[in-house]
PDB file of N, CA and C in Angstrom:
ATOM      1  N   LEU A   1      44.106 -67.132  -8.410  1.00  0.00           N
ATOM      2  CA  LEU A   1      43.590 -67.997  -7.205  1.00  0.00           C
ATOM      3  C   LEU A   1      43.409 -69.406  -7.558  1.00  0.00           C
ATOM      4  N   VAL A   2      42.668 -69.291  -8.791  1.00  0.00           N
ATOM      5  CA  VAL A   2      41.855 -70.784  -9.261  1.00  0.00           C
ATOM      6  C   VAL A   2      43.034 -71.819  -9.519  1.00  0.00           C
ATOM      7  N   GLY A   3      44.188 -71.153  -9.590  1.00  0.00           N
ATOM      8  CA  GLY A   3      45.580 -71.883  -9.949  1.00  0.00           C
ATOM      9  C   GLY A   3      45.960 -72.611  -8.110  1.00  0.00           C
ATOM     10  N   ILE A   4      46.030 -71.651  -7.799  1.00  0.00           N
ATOM     11  CA  ILE A   4      46.480 -71.945  -6.134  1.00  0.00           C
ATOM     12  C   ILE A   4      45.527 -73.144  -5.663  1.00  0.00           C
ATOM     13  N   ALA A   5      43.776 -73.098  -5.608  1.00  0.00           N
ATOM     14  CA  ALA A   5      42.832 -73.777  -5.393  1.00  0.00           C
ATOM     15  C   ALA A   5      43.004 -75.144  -5.925  1.00  0.00           C
ATOM     16  N   MET A   6      43.296 -75.224  -7.569  1.00  0.00           N
ATOM     17  CA  MET A   6      43.744 -76.400  -8.021  1.00  0.00           C
ATOM     18  C   MET A   6      45.012 -77.211  -7.745  1.00  0.00           C
ATOM     19  N   VAL A   7      46.039 -76.655  -7.406  1.00  0.00           N
ATOM     20  CA  VAL A   7      47.133 -77.154  -6.569  1.00  0.00           C
ATOM     21  C   VAL A   7      46.701 -77.674  -5.635  1.00  0.00           C
ATOM     22  N   GLY A   8      46.237 -77.141  -4.758  1.00  0.00           N
ATOM     23  CA  GLY A   8      45.701 -77.630  -3.478  1.00  0.00           C
ATOM     24  C   GLY A   8      44.558 -78.598  -3.445  1.00  0.00           C
ATOM     25  N   ILE A   9      43.915 -79.001  -4.409  1.00  0.00           N
ATOM     26  CA  ILE A   9      43.343 -80.059  -4.630  1.00  0.00           C
ATOM     27  C   ILE A   9      43.730 -81.126  -5.065  1.00  0.00           C
ATOM     28  N   GLY A  10      45.001 -80.752  -6.122  1.00  0.00           N
ATOM     29  CA  GLY A  10      45.802 -82.153  -6.669  1.00  0.00           C
ATOM     30  C   GLY A  10      46.743 -82.546  -5.626  1.00  0.00           C
ATOM     31  N   SER A  11      47.283 -81.445  -4.946  1.00  0.00           N
ATOM     32  CA  SER A  11      48.067 -82.180  -3.784  1.00  0.00           C
ATOM     33  C   SER A  11      46.789 -82.861  -2.825  1.00  0.00           C
ATOM     34  N   ALA A  12      46.212 -82.413  -2.396  1.00  0.00           N
ATOM     35  CA  ALA A  12      45.277 -83.543  -1.512  1.00  0.00           C
ATOM     36  C   ALA A  12      44.871 -84.732  -2.253  1.00  0.00           C
ATOM     37  N   LEU A  13      44.627 -84.918  -3.191  1.00  0.00           N
ATOM     38  CA  LEU A  13      44.235 -85.932  -3.810  1.00  0.00           C
ATOM     39  C   LEU A  13      45.434 -87.154  -4.032  1.00  0.00           C
ATOM     40  N   TYR A  14      46.614 -86.304  -4.085  1.00  0.00           N
ATOM     41  CA  TYR A  14      48.113 -87.492  -4.488  1.00  0.00           C
ATOM     42  C   TYR A  14      48.382 -87.442  -3.024  1.00  0.00           C
ATOM     43  N   ILE A  15      48.415 -86.585  -2.002  1.00  0.00           N
ATOM     44  CA  ILE A  15      49.112 -87.070  -0.471  1.00  0.00           C
ATOM     45  C   ILE A  15      48.028 -88.432  -0.060  1.00  0.00           C
ATOM     46  N   THR A  16      46.673 -88.546  -0.301  1.00  0.00           N
ATOM     47  CA  THR A  16      45.541 -89.411   0.284  1.00  0.00           C
ATOM     48  C   THR A  16      45.482 -90.299  -0.325  1.00  0.00           C
ATOM     49  N   CYS A  17      46.425 -90.590  -1.758  1.00  0.00           N
ATOM     50  CA  CYS A  17      46.081 -92.193  -2.496  1.00  0.00           C
ATOM     51  C   CYS A  17      47.327 -93.076  -1.669  1.00  0.00           C
ATOM     52  N   GLY A  18      47.801 -92.479  -0.926  1.00  0.00           N
ATOM     53  CA  GLY A  18      48.874 -93.397  -0.397  1.00  0.00           C
ATOM     54  C   GLY A  18      50.198 -93.697  -1.421  1.00  0.00           C
ATOM     55  N   LEU A  19      50.414 -92.853  -2.379  1.00  0.00           N
ATOM     56  CA  LEU A  19      51.959 -93.238  -3.237  1.00  0.00           C
ATOM     57  C   LEU A  19      52.857 -92.484  -2.788  1.00  0.00           C
ATOM     58  N   GLY A  20      52.684 -91.655  -1.360  1.00  0.00           N
ATOM     59  CA  GLY A  20      53.911 -91.120  -1.045  1.00  0.00           C
ATOM     60  C   GLY A  20      53.838 -89.710  -1.350  1.00  0.00           C
ATOM     61  N   PRO A  21      54.095 -88.732  -0.464  1.00  0.00           N
ATOM     62  CA  PRO A  21      54.307 -87.274  -0.899  1.00  0.00           C
ATOM     63  C   PRO A  21      55.627 -86.811  -1.493  1.00  0.00           C
ATOM     64  N   GLY A  22      55.542 -85.588  -2.023  1.00  0.00           N
ATOM     65  CA  GLY A  22      56.783 -84.938  -2.621  1.00  0.00           C
ATOM     66  C   GLY A  22      57.476 -84.482  -1.610  1.00  0.00           C
ATOM     67  N   PRO A  23      58.448 -83.798  -1.779  1.00  0.00           N
ATOM     68  CA  PRO A  23      59.513 -83.442  -0.575  1.00  0.00           C
ATOM     69  C   PRO A  23      59.071 -82.427   0.244  1.00  0.00           C
ATOM     70  N   ARG A  24      58.389 -81.420  -0.075  1.00  0.00           N
ATOM     71  CA  ARG A  24      57.599 -80.459   0.684  1.00  0.00           C
ATOM     72  C   ARG A  24      56.087 -80.974   1.244  1.00  0.00           C
ATOM     73  N   ASP A  25      55.800 -81.631   0.614  1.00  0.00           N
ATOM     74  CA  ASP A  25      54.425 -82.179   1.142  1.00  0.00           C
ATOM     75  C   ASP A  25      54.984 -83.108   2.346  1.00  0.00           C
ATOM     76  N   GLY A  26      55.578 -84.140   2.243  1.00  0.00           N
ATOM     77  CA  GLY A  26      56.356 -84.893   3.124  1.00  0.00           C
ATOM     78  C   GLY A  26      56.652 -84.150   4.254  1.00  0.00           C
ATOM     79  N   LEU A  27      57.541 -83.256   4.425  1.00  0.00           N
ATOM     80  CA  LEU A  27      57.778 -82.434   5.202  1.00  0.00           C
ATOM     81  C   LEU A  27      56.615 -81.969   6.158  1.00  0.00           C
ATOM     82  N   MET A  28      55.712 -81.205   5.343  1.00  0.00           N
ATOM     83  CA  MET A  28      54.540 -80.915   6.009  1.00  0.00           C
ATOM     84  C   MET A  28      53.840 -82.061   6.364  1.00  0.00           C
ATOM     85  N   THR A  29      53.620 -83.080   6.168  1.00  0.00           N
ATOM     86  CA  THR A  29      52.827 -83.915   6.967  1.00  0.00           C
ATOM     87  C   THR A  29      53.250 -84.308   7.800  1.00  0.00           C
ATOM     88  N   ALA A  30      54.796 -84.510   7.869  1.00  0.00           N
ATOM     89  CA  ALA A  30      55.700 -85.154   9.127  1.00  0.00           C
ATOM     90  C   ALA A  30      55.834 -84.302  10.340  1.00  0.00           C
ATOM     91  N   LEU A  31      55.884 -82.610   9.922  1.00  0.00           N
ATOM     92  CA  LEU A  31      55.737 -81.856  11.009  1.00  0.00           C
ATOM     93  C   LEU A  31      54.480 -81.671  11.688  1.00  0.00           C
ATOM     94  N   HIS A  32      53.226 -81.754  10.777  1.00  0.00           N
ATOM     95  CA  HIS A  32      51.960 -81.858  11.244  1.00  0.00           C
ATOM     96  C   HIS A  32      51.761 -82.911  12.206  1.00  0.00           C
ATOM     97  N   ASN A  33      52.347 -84.338  11.759  1.00  0.00           N
ATOM     98  CA  ASN A  33      52.071 -85.546  12.686  1.00  0.00           C
ATOM     99  C   ASN A  33      52.545 -85.467  13.871  1.00  0.00           C
ATOM    100  N   ARG A  34      53.946 -84.999  13.811  1.00  0.00           N
ATOM    101  CA  ARG A  34      54.913 -84.573  15.060  1.00  0.00           C
ATOM    102  C   ARG A  34      54.623 -83.721  16.064  1.00  0.00           C
ATOM    103  N   THR A  35      54.080 -82.527  15.318  1.00  0.00           N
ATOM    104  CA  THR A  35      53.804 -81.483  16.346  1.00  0.00           C
ATOM    105  C   THR A  35      52.404 -81.287  16.599  1.00  0.00           C
ATOM    106  N   GLY A  36      51.518 -81.570  15.915  1.00  0.00           N
ATOM    107  CA  GLY A  36      49.954 -81.408  16.098  1.00  0.00           C
ATOM    108  C   GLY A  36      49.660 -79.774  15.305  1.00  0.00           C
ATOM    109  N   VAL A  37      50.091 -78.996  14.878  1.00  0.00           N
ATOM    110  CA  VAL A  37      50.186 -77.594  14.366  1.00  0.00           C
ATOM    111  C   VAL A  37      49.520 -78.089  13.168  1.00  0.00           C
ATOM    112  N   ARG A  38      48.373 -77.284  12.779  1.00  0.00           N
ATOM    113  CA  ARG A  38      47.545 -77.298  11.685  1.00  0.00           C
ATOM    114  C   ARG A  38      48.556 -77.295  10.378  1.00  0.00           C
ATOM    115  N   ILE A  39      47.826 -78.283   9.503  1.00  0.00           N
ATOM    116  CA  ILE A  39      48.256 -78.155   8.040  1.00  0.00           C
ATOM    117  C   ILE A  39      48.646 -77.281   7.575  1.00  0.00           C
ATOM    118  N   GLY A  40      47.809 -76.175   7.634  1.00  0.00           N
ATOM    119  CA  GLY A  40      48.110 -74.836   6.484  1.00  0.00           C
ATOM    120  C   GLY A  40      48.805 -74.072   7.216  1.00  0.00           C
ATOM    121  N   ARG A  41      49.150 -74.117   8.785  1.00  0.00           N
ATOM    122  CA  ARG A  41      49.683 -73.592   9.322  1.00  0.00           C
ATOM    123  C   ARG A  41      51.560 -73.553   9.049  1.00  0.00           C
ATOM    124  N   VAL A  42      51.837 -75.078   9.054  1.00  0.00           N
ATOM    125  CA  VAL A  42      52.985 -75.674   8.792  1.00  0.00           C
ATOM    126  C   VAL A  42      53.296 -75.583   7.267  1.00  0.00           C
ATOM    127  N   ARG A  43      52.567 -75.554   6.326  1.00  0.00           N
ATOM    128  CA  ARG A  43      52.985 -75.178   5.041  1.00  0.00           C
ATOM    129  C   ARG A  43      53.114 -73.859   4.856  1.00  0.00           C
ATOM    130  N   LEU A  44      52.719 -73.105   5.572  1.00  0.00           N
ATOM    131  CA  LEU A  44      52.794 -71.290   5.572  1.00  0.00           C
ATOM    132  C   LEU A  44      54.325 -71.203   5.879  1.00  0.00           C
ATOM    133  N   GLY A  45      54.712 -71.927   7.256  1.00  0.00           N
ATOM    134  CA  GLY A  45      56.136 -71.591   7.656  1.00  0.00           C
ATOM    135  C   GLY A  45      57.008 -72.534   6.689  1.00  0.00           C
ATOM    136  N   ILE A  46      57.139 -73.653   5.907  1.00  0.00           N
ATOM    137  CA  ILE A  46      57.864 -74.072   4.781  1.00  0.00           C
ATOM    138  C   ILE A  46      57.789 -73.099   3.903  1.00  0.00           C
ATOM    139  N   GLU A  47      56.656 -72.871   3.021  1.00  0.00           N
ATOM    140  CA  GLU A  47      56.735 -71.242   2.243  1.00  0.00           C
ATOM    141  C   GLU A  47      57.464 -70.239   2.399  1.00  0.00           C
ATOM    142  N   GLY A  48      56.923 -69.828   3.375  1.00  0.00           N
ATOM    143  CA  GLY A  48      57.783 -68.547   4.009  1.00  0.00           C
ATOM    144  C   GLY A  48      59.170 -68.744   4.106  1.00  0.00           C
ATOM    145  N   THR A  49      59.779 -69.891   4.687  1.00  0.00           N
ATOM    146  CA  THR A  49      61.203 -70.184   4.533  1.00  0.00           C
ATOM    147  C   THR A  49      61.839 -70.426   3.180  1.00  0.00           C
ATOM    148  N   VAL A  50      61.002 -71.107   2.646  1.00  0.00           N
ATOM    149  CA  VAL A  50      61.768 -71.239   1.109  1.00  0.00           C
ATOM    150  C   VAL A  50      61.886 -69.870   0.521  1.00  0.00           C
ATOM    151  N   LEU A  51      60.755 -69.234   0.387  1.00  0.00           N
ATOM    152  CA  LEU A  51      60.546 -67.862  -0.182  1.00  0.00           C
ATOM    153  C   LEU A  51      61.908 -66.906   0.435  1.00  0.00           C
ATOM    154  N   VAL A  52      61.888 -66.834   1.634  1.00  0.00           N
ATOM    155  CA  VAL A  52      63.064 -65.942   2.329  1.00  0.00           C
ATOM    156  C   VAL A  52      64.381 -66.531   1.370  1.00  0.00           C
ATOM    157  N   ALA A  53      64.633 -67.559   1.657  1.00  0.00           N
ATOM    158  CA  ALA A  53      65.585 -68.217   1.260  1.00  0.00           C
ATOM    159  C   ALA A  53      66.082 -68.260  -0.194  1.00  0.00           C
ATOM    160  N   GLY A  54      64.937 -68.154  -1.088  1.00  0.00           N
ATOM    161  CA  GLY A  54      65.275 -67.897  -2.535  1.00  0.00           C
ATOM    162  C   GLY A  54      65.379 -66.185  -2.928  1.00  0.00           C
ATOM    163  N   TRP A  55      64.603 -65.447  -1.749  1.00  0.00           N
ATOM    164  CA  TRP A  55      65.140 -64.038  -2.401  1.00  0.00           C
ATOM    165  C   TRP A  55      66.279 -63.856  -1.862  1.00  0.00           C
ATOM    166  N   LEU A  56      67.113 -64.431  -0.882  1.00  0.00           N
ATOM    167  CA  LEU A  56      68.297 -63.642  -0.164  1.00  0.00           C
ATOM    168  C   LEU A  56      69.426 -64.487  -1.148  1.00  0.00           C
ATOM    169  N   LEU A  57      68.749 -65.637  -1.853  1.00  0.00           N
ATOM    170  CA  LEU A  57      69.905 -66.054  -2.990  1.00  0.00           C
ATOM    171  C   LEU A  57      69.892 -65.129  -4.575  1.00  0.00           C
ATOM    172  N   GLY A  58      69.130 -64.189  -4.112  1.00  0.00           N
ATOM    173  CA  GLY A  58      68.334 -63.465  -5.590  1.00  0.00           C
ATOM    174  C   GLY A  58      67.553 -63.597  -6.276  1.00  0.00           C
ATOM    175  N   GLY A  59      66.617 -64.329  -5.650  1.00  0.00           N
ATOM    176  CA  GLY A  59      65.249 -64.854  -6.509  1.00  0.00           C
ATOM    177  C   GLY A  59      64.662 -63.593  -6.534  1.00  0.00           C
ATOM    178  N   THR A  60      63.437 -63.673  -7.459  1.00  0.00           N
ATOM    179  CA  THR A  60      62.895 -62.727  -7.679  1.00  0.00           C
ATOM    180  C   THR A  60      61.358 -63.445  -6.811  1.00  0.00           C
ATOM    181  N   VAL A  61      60.858 -62.021  -6.137  1.00  0.00           N
ATOM    182  CA  VAL A  61      59.660 -62.261  -5.364  1.00  0.00           C
ATOM    183  C   VAL A  61      58.728 -61.556  -5.592  1.00  0.00           C
ATOM    184  N   GLY A  62      57.390 -61.637  -6.564  1.00  0.00           N
ATOM    185  CA  GLY A  62      56.601 -61.132  -6.740  1.00  0.00           C
ATOM    186  C   GLY A  62      55.261 -61.215  -6.442  1.00  0.00           C
ATOM    187  N   LEU A  63      54.091 -60.639  -6.634  1.00  0.00           N
ATOM    188  CA  LEU A  63      52.988 -60.921  -6.240  1.00  0.00           C
ATOM    189  C   LEU A  63      52.446 -62.293  -6.154  1.00  0.00           C
ATOM    190  N   GLY A  64      52.617 -62.858  -7.434  1.00  0.00           N
ATOM    191  CA  GLY A  64      52.039 -64.167  -7.592  1.00  0.00           C
ATOM    192  C   GLY A  64      53.066 -65.188  -6.331  1.00  0.00           C
ATOM    193  N   THR A  65      54.019 -64.872  -6.142  1.00  0.00           N
ATOM    194  CA  THR A  65      54.880 -65.677  -5.168  1.00  0.00           C
ATOM    195  C   THR A  65      54.490 -65.696  -3.812  1.00  0.00           C
ATOM    196  N   LEU A  66      54.272 -64.334  -3.608  1.00  0.00           N
ATOM    197  CA  LEU A  66      53.287 -63.873  -2.106  1.00  0.00           C
ATOM    198  C   LEU A  66      52.279 -64.427  -2.091  1.00  0.00           C
ATOM    199  N   MET A  67      51.580 -64.455  -2.725  1.00  0.00           N
ATOM    200  CA  MET A  67      49.988 -65.050  -3.004  1.00  0.00           C
ATOM    201  C   MET A  67      50.260 -66.719  -2.838  1.00  0.00           C
ATOM    202  N   PHE A  68      51.067 -67.318  -3.612  1.00  0.00           N
ATOM    203  CA  PHE A  68      51.193 -68.856  -3.497  1.00  0.00           C
ATOM    204  C   PHE A  68      51.592 -69.209  -1.935  1.00  0.00           C
ATOM    205  N   ALA A  69      52.565 -68.554  -1.712  1.00  0.00           N
ATOM    206  CA  ALA A  69      53.292 -68.657  -0.354  1.00  0.00           C
ATOM    207  C   ALA A  69      52.588 -68.662   0.860  1.00  0.00           C
ATOM    208  N   THR A  70      51.457 -67.613   0.643  1.00  0.00           N
ATOM    209  CA  THR A  70      50.663 -67.216   1.799  1.00  0.00           C
ATOM    210  C   THR A  70      49.136 -68.279   1.858  1.00  0.00           C
ATOM    211  N   LEU A  71      48.570 -68.801   0.590  1.00  0.00           N
ATOM    212  CA  LEU A  71      47.524 -69.248   0.511  1.00  0.00           C
ATOM    213  C   LEU A  71      47.725 -70.838   0.352  1.00  0.00           C
ATOM    214  N   ILE A  72      48.906 -71.145  -0.338  1.00  0.00           N
ATOM    215  CA  ILE A  72      48.547 -72.658  -0.557  1.00  0.00           C
ATOM    216  C   ILE A  72      48.426 -73.658   0.381  1.00  0.00           C
ATOM    217  N   GLY A  73      48.778 -73.347   1.913  1.00  0.00           N
ATOM    218  CA  GLY A  73      48.689 -74.253   3.153  1.00  0.00           C
ATOM    219  C   GLY A  73      47.185 -74.160   3.155  1.00  0.00           C
ATOM    220  N   GLN A  74      46.374 -73.130   3.397  1.00  0.00           N
ATOM    221  CA  GLN A  74      45.051 -72.963   3.461  1.00  0.00           C
ATOM    222  C   GLN A  74      44.550 -73.907   2.627  1.00  0.00           C
ATOM    223  N   SER A  75      44.720 -73.810   0.927  1.00  0.00           N
ATOM    224  CA  SER A  75      44.026 -74.487   0.086  1.00  0.00           C
ATOM    225  C   SER A  75      44.117 -75.869   0.385  1.00  0.00           C
ATOM    226  N   ILE A  76      45.163 -76.132   0.561  1.00  0.00           N
ATOM    227  CA  ILE A  76      45.721 -77.728   0.957  1.00  0.00           C
ATOM    228  C   ILE A  76      45.126 -78.277   1.996  1.00  0.00           C
ATOM    229  N   ALA A  77      44.950 -77.498   3.201  1.00  0.00           N
ATOM    230  CA  ALA A  77      44.195 -77.939   4.239  1.00  0.00           C
ATOM    231  C   ALA A  77      42.672 -77.909   4.030  1.00  0.00           C
ATOM    232  N   ILE A  78      41.903 -77.158   3.271  1.00  0.00           N
ATOM    233  CA  ILE A  78      40.699 -77.067   3.241  1.00  0.00           C
ATOM    234  C   ILE A  78      40.717 -78.771   2.141  1.00  0.00           C
ATOM    235  N   SER A  79      41.245 -78.441   1.294  1.00  0.00           N
ATOM    236  CA  SER A  79      41.051 -79.856   0.155  1.00  0.00           C
ATOM    237  C   SER A  79      41.008 -81.135   0.830  1.00  0.00           C
ATOM    238  N   LEU A  80      42.105 -81.123   1.744  1.00  0.00           N
ATOM    239  CA  LEU A  80      42.109 -82.426   2.505  1.00  0.00           C
ATOM    240  C   LEU A  80      40.702 -82.719   3.418  1.00  0.00           C
ATOM    241  N   GLY A  81      40.488 -81.718   3.816  1.00  0.00           N
ATOM    242  CA  GLY A  81      39.321 -81.757   4.913  1.00  0.00           C
ATOM    243  C   GLY A  81      38.242 -82.460   4.116  1.00  0.00           C
ATOM    244  N   VAL A  82      37.811 -81.601   2.807  1.00  0.00           N
ATOM    245  CA  VAL A  82      36.759 -82.319   1.870  1.00  0.00           C
ATOM    246  C   VAL A  82      37.086 -83.663   1.378  1.00  0.00           C
ATOM    247  N   VAL A  83      38.081 -83.953   0.882  1.00  0.00           N
ATOM    248  CA  VAL A  83      38.806 -85.071   0.192  1.00  0.00           C
ATOM    249  C   VAL A  83      38.381 -86.463   1.521  1.00  0.00           C
ATOM    250  N   SER A  84      38.914 -85.960   2.651  1.00  0.00           N
ATOM    251  CA  SER A  84      38.483 -87.193   3.948  1.00  0.00           C
ATOM    252  C   SER A  84      37.232 -87.254   4.000  1.00  0.00           C
ATOM    253  N   ARG A  85      36.324 -86.192   3.810  1.00  0.00           N
ATOM    254  CA  ARG A  85      34.982 -86.218   3.930  1.00  0.00           C
ATOM    255  C   ARG A  85      34.005 -87.178   2.636  1.00  0.00           C
ATOM    256  N   VAL A  86      34.681 -86.925   1.906  1.00  0.00           N
ATOM    257  CA  VAL A  86      34.202 -87.552   0.596  1.00  0.00           C
ATOM    258  C   VAL A  86      34.444 -88.938   0.710  1.00  0.00           C
ATOM    259  N   THR A  87      35.604 -89.382   0.883  1.00  0.00           N
ATOM    260  CA  THR A  87      35.978 -90.698   0.880  1.00  0.00           C
ATOM    261  C   THR A  87      35.716 -91.513   2.107  1.00  0.00           C
ATOM    262  N   SER A  88      35.151 -90.973   3.224  1.00  0.00           N
ATOM    263  CA  SER A  88      34.878 -91.763   4.312  1.00  0.00           C
ATOM    264  C   SER A  88      33.292 -92.069   4.106  1.00  0.00           C
ATOM    265  N   ARG A  89      32.752 -91.987   3.261  1.00  0.00           N
ATOM    266  CA  ARG A  89      31.506 -92.326   3.013  1.00  0.00           C
ATOM    267  C   ARG A  89      31.455 -93.958   2.446  1.00  0.00           C
TER     268      ARG A  89
END
């Protein structure tokens, strides 16, 4: 859980600094901007899709994989909210 929180904080920091997001974060922010769907839900859909695709291709899905896929979107969403409040002062 601490690792998921740290990834969420790190993602929020590098997304907001303007250097360009990575592939999943870019897809997440683009879908959020175009559809208005909340960041956490968009990321849950992306991670769920990738999880199922990986499993169908023979990858291992364990507890950590499931926890990350279900919680990382909310972690990023909360972290983005905190970063925006801190930087808007």
